[in-house]
Amino acid sequence: MNTNTKRMVLAAIAAFYVVVGGLWASNFIPLKHFDAQMARKEKLIDKMGFSAAYDSEEYQKTEAYLLNNVLSYEGKVLKARRFGSIILWGTIALAAGGGVLFMTRGRKTAQAGAQ
């Protein structure tokens, strides 16, 4: 395999990681925002009690965010897991392939270079 082919393969792998990593992040980040809003809601209830917290503006904003997120839910959890799994196994395959290439590389000996 010549140098240009190796560079093209590495560029394709990098592009793959950018695309799949972006898809994973686009599903993972909203999940973390949802979890943060749930924690915020629970803290308000613990701090103020349910009735006082429910009447507060902060609770209403949190509730509106959660409702909007639930209504626009498109399997974000499953997508984030699937893309995360692709990234994990892609990394393992890349490491294994790189290890095989490294271990089986052909080195020229000093005698062969002198001839």
C-alpha atoms as a PDB file:
ATOM      1  CA  MET A   1       0.000   0.000   0.000  1.00  0.00           C
ATOM      2  CA  ASN A   2       1.596   3.261  -1.048  1.00  0.00           C
ATOM      3  CA  THR A   3       1.731   6.453   1.014  1.00  0.00           C
ATOM      4  CA  ASN A   4      -1.083   8.230  -0.829  1.00  0.00           C
ATOM      5  CA  THR A   5      -3.459   5.308  -0.319  1.00  0.00           C
ATOM      6  CA  LYS A   6      -2.657   5.235   3.396  1.00  0.00           C
ATOM      7  CA  ARG A   7      -3.324   8.979   3.636  1.00  0.00           C
ATOM      8  CA  MET A   8      -6.656   8.577   1.805  1.00  0.00           C
ATOM      9  CA  VAL A   9      -7.689   5.767   4.149  1.00  0.00           C
ATOM     10  CA  LEU A  10      -6.765   7.849   7.208  1.00  0.00           C
ATOM     11  CA  ALA A  11      -8.718  10.814   5.814  1.00  0.00           C
ATOM     12  CA  ALA A  12     -11.760   8.575   5.263  1.00  0.00           C
ATOM     13  CA  ILE A  13     -11.512   7.274   8.826  1.00  0.00           C
ATOM     14  CA  ALA A  14     -11.253  10.832  10.175  1.00  0.00           C
ATOM     15  CA  ALA A  15     -14.295  11.883   8.143  1.00  0.00           C
ATOM     16  CA  PHE A  16     -16.212   8.875   9.465  1.00  0.00           C
ATOM     17  CA  TYR A  17     -15.404   9.838  13.054  1.00  0.00           C
ATOM     18  CA  VAL A  18     -16.429  13.454  12.471  1.00  0.00           C
ATOM     19  CA  VAL A  19     -19.794  12.441  11.014  1.00  0.00           C
ATOM     20  CA  VAL A  20     -20.632   9.723  13.535  1.00  0.00           C
ATOM     21  CA  GLY A  21     -19.285  11.800  16.436  1.00  0.00           C
ATOM     22  CA  GLY A  22     -21.434  14.724  15.355  1.00  0.00           C
ATOM     23  CA  LEU A  23     -24.517  12.518  15.128  1.00  0.00           C
ATOM     24  CA  TRP A  24     -23.792  11.118  18.570  1.00  0.00           C
ATOM     25  CA  ALA A  25     -23.305  14.575  20.083  1.00  0.00           C
ATOM     26  CA  SER A  26     -26.480  15.894  18.467  1.00  0.00           C
ATOM     27  CA  ASN A  27     -28.433  13.258  20.386  1.00  0.00           C
ATOM     28  CA  PHE A  28     -26.358  13.075  23.570  1.00  0.00           C
ATOM     29  CA  ILE A  29     -26.259  16.792  24.408  1.00  0.00           C
ATOM     30  CA  PRO A  30     -30.069  17.215  24.475  1.00  0.00           C
ATOM     31  CA  LEU A  31     -30.275  14.200  26.774  1.00  0.00           C
ATOM     32  CA  LYS A  32     -27.898  15.872  29.209  1.00  0.00           C
ATOM     33  CA  HIS A  33     -29.928  19.094  29.055  1.00  0.00           C
ATOM     34  CA  PHE A  34     -33.079  17.098  29.821  1.00  0.00           C
ATOM     35  CA  ASP A  35     -31.395  15.411  32.793  1.00  0.00           C
ATOM     36  CA  ALA A  36     -30.200  18.808  34.080  1.00  0.00           C
ATOM     37  CA  GLN A  37     -33.732  20.228  33.866  1.00  0.00           C
ATOM     38  CA  MET A  38     -35.105  17.237  35.767  1.00  0.00           C
ATOM     39  CA  ALA A  39     -32.509  17.737  38.499  1.00  0.00           C
ATOM     40  CA  ARG A  40     -33.345  21.462  38.601  1.00  0.00           C
ATOM     41  CA  LYS A  41     -37.035  20.646  39.027  1.00  0.00           C
ATOM     42  CA  GLU A  42     -36.302  18.178  41.832  1.00  0.00           C
ATOM     43  CA  LYS A  43     -34.100  20.711  43.651  1.00  0.00           C
ATOM     44  CA  LEU A  44     -36.863  23.297  43.498  1.00  0.00           C
ATOM     45  CA  ILE A  45     -39.358  20.856  44.970  1.00  0.00           C
ATOM     46  CA  ASP A  46     -36.936  19.817  47.717  1.00  0.00           C
ATOM     47  CA  LYS A  47     -36.100  23.427  48.524  1.00  0.00           C
ATOM     48  CA  MET A  48     -39.559  25.033  48.407  1.00  0.00           C
ATOM     49  CA  GLY A  49     -42.047  22.199  48.652  1.00  0.00           C
ATOM     50  CA  PHE A  50     -44.263  21.176  45.769  1.00  0.00           C
ATOM     51  CA  SER A  51     -46.961  23.861  46.018  1.00  0.00           C
ATOM     52  CA  ALA A  52     -44.569  26.813  46.289  1.00  0.00           C
ATOM     53  CA  ALA A  53     -42.242  25.392  43.647  1.00  0.00           C
ATOM     54  CA  TYR A  54     -45.131  24.744  41.254  1.00  0.00           C
ATOM     55  CA  ASP A  55     -46.198  28.386  41.475  1.00  0.00           C
ATOM     56  CA  SER A  56     -42.692  29.699  40.801  1.00  0.00           C
ATOM     57  CA  GLU A  57     -41.677  31.027  37.388  1.00  0.00           C
ATOM     58  CA  GLU A  58     -38.500  28.946  37.347  1.00  0.00           C
ATOM     59  CA  TYR A  59     -40.506  25.730  37.808  1.00  0.00           C
ATOM     60  CA  GLN A  60     -42.874  26.709  34.995  1.00  0.00           C
ATOM     61  CA  LYS A  61     -39.955  27.376  32.629  1.00  0.00           C
ATOM     62  CA  THR A  62     -38.413  24.022  33.523  1.00  0.00           C
ATOM     63  CA  GLU A  63     -41.725  22.255  33.034  1.00  0.00           C
ATOM     64  CA  ALA A  64     -42.235  23.934  29.635  1.00  0.00           C
ATOM     65  CA  TYR A  65     -38.746  22.842  28.524  1.00  0.00           C
ATOM     66  CA  LEU A  66     -39.393  19.259  29.604  1.00  0.00           C
ATOM     67  CA  LEU A  67     -42.792  19.172  27.899  1.00  0.00           C
ATOM     68  CA  ASN A  68     -41.305  20.514  24.666  1.00  0.00           C
ATOM     69  CA  ASN A  69     -38.518  17.946  24.837  1.00  0.00           C
ATOM     70  CA  VAL A  70     -40.917  15.060  25.426  1.00  0.00           C
ATOM     71  CA  LEU A  71     -43.181  16.142  22.565  1.00  0.00           C
ATOM     72  CA  SER A  72     -40.216  16.407  20.176  1.00  0.00           C
ATOM     73  CA  TYR A  73     -38.650  13.140  21.346  1.00  0.00           C
ATOM     74  CA  GLU A  74     -37.465  10.993  18.433  1.00  0.00           C
ATOM     75  CA  GLY A  75     -35.656   8.136  20.088  1.00  0.00           C
ATOM     76  CA  LYS A  76     -32.735  10.303  21.217  1.00  0.00           C
ATOM     77  CA  VAL A  77     -31.636   7.774  23.821  1.00  0.00           C
ATOM     78  CA  LEU A  78     -31.495   4.935  21.321  1.00  0.00           C
ATOM     79  CA  LYS A  79     -29.718   7.071  18.718  1.00  0.00           C
ATOM     80  CA  ALA A  80     -27.121   8.276  21.219  1.00  0.00           C
ATOM     81  CA  ARG A  81     -26.436   4.697  22.328  1.00  0.00           C
ATOM     82  CA  ARG A  82     -26.228   3.422  18.749  1.00  0.00           C
ATOM     83  CA  PHE A  83     -23.796   6.132  17.598  1.00  0.00           C
ATOM     84  CA  GLY A  84     -21.782   5.806  20.811  1.00  0.00           C
ATOM     85  CA  SER A  85     -21.510   2.076  20.176  1.00  0.00           C
ATOM     86  CA  ILE A  86     -20.357   2.711  16.594  1.00  0.00           C
ATOM     87  CA  ILE A  87     -17.672   5.081  17.865  1.00  0.00           C
ATOM     88  CA  LEU A  88     -16.530   2.585  20.514  1.00  0.00           C
ATOM     89  CA  TRP A  89     -16.260  -0.380  18.156  1.00  0.00           C
ATOM     90  CA  GLY A  90     -14.774   1.781  15.396  1.00  0.00           C
ATOM     91  CA  THR A  91     -12.052   2.857  17.806  1.00  0.00           C
ATOM     92  CA  ILE A  92     -11.376  -0.735  18.839  1.00  0.00           C
ATOM     93  CA  ALA A  93     -11.227  -1.842  15.185  1.00  0.00           C
ATOM     94  CA  LEU A  94      -8.911   1.052  14.327  1.00  0.00           C
ATOM     95  CA  ALA A  95      -6.591   0.167  17.210  1.00  0.00           C
ATOM     96  CA  ALA A  96      -6.562  -3.513  16.238  1.00  0.00           C
ATOM     97  CA  GLY A  97      -5.925  -2.711  12.570  1.00  0.00           C
ATOM     98  CA  GLY A  98      -3.198  -0.229  13.473  1.00  0.00           C
ATOM     99  CA  GLY A  99      -1.595  -2.796  15.746  1.00  0.00           C
ATOM    100  CA  VAL A 100      -1.598  -5.415  13.004  1.00  0.00           C
ATOM    101  CA  LEU A 101      -0.089  -2.955  10.520  1.00  0.00           C
ATOM    102  CA  PHE A 102       2.536  -1.922  13.051  1.00  0.00           C
ATOM    103  CA  MET A 103       3.482  -5.474  13.940  1.00  0.00           C
ATOM    104  CA  THR A 104       3.645  -6.677  10.336  1.00  0.00           C
ATOM    105  CA  ARG A 105       5.457  -3.731   8.818  1.00  0.00           C
ATOM    106  CA  GLY A 106       8.336  -4.655   6.589  1.00  0.00           C
ATOM    107  CA  ARG A 107      11.624  -3.082   7.603  1.00  0.00           C
ATOM    108  CA  LYS A 108      14.553  -3.040   5.291  1.00  0.00           C
ATOM    109  CA  THR A 109      17.719  -4.275   6.884  1.00  0.00           C
ATOM    110  CA  ALA A 110      20.958  -2.324   6.707  1.00  0.00           C
ATOM    111  CA  GLN A 111      22.470  -4.966   4.370  1.00  0.00           C
ATOM    112  CA  ALA A 112      19.612  -4.707   1.891  1.00  0.00           C
ATOM    113  CA  GLY A 113      20.005  -0.919   1.749  1.00  0.00           C
ATOM    114  CA  ALA A 114      23.762  -1.164   1.110  1.00  0.00           C
ATOM    115  CA  GLN A 115      23.419  -3.435  -1.901  1.00  0.00           C
END
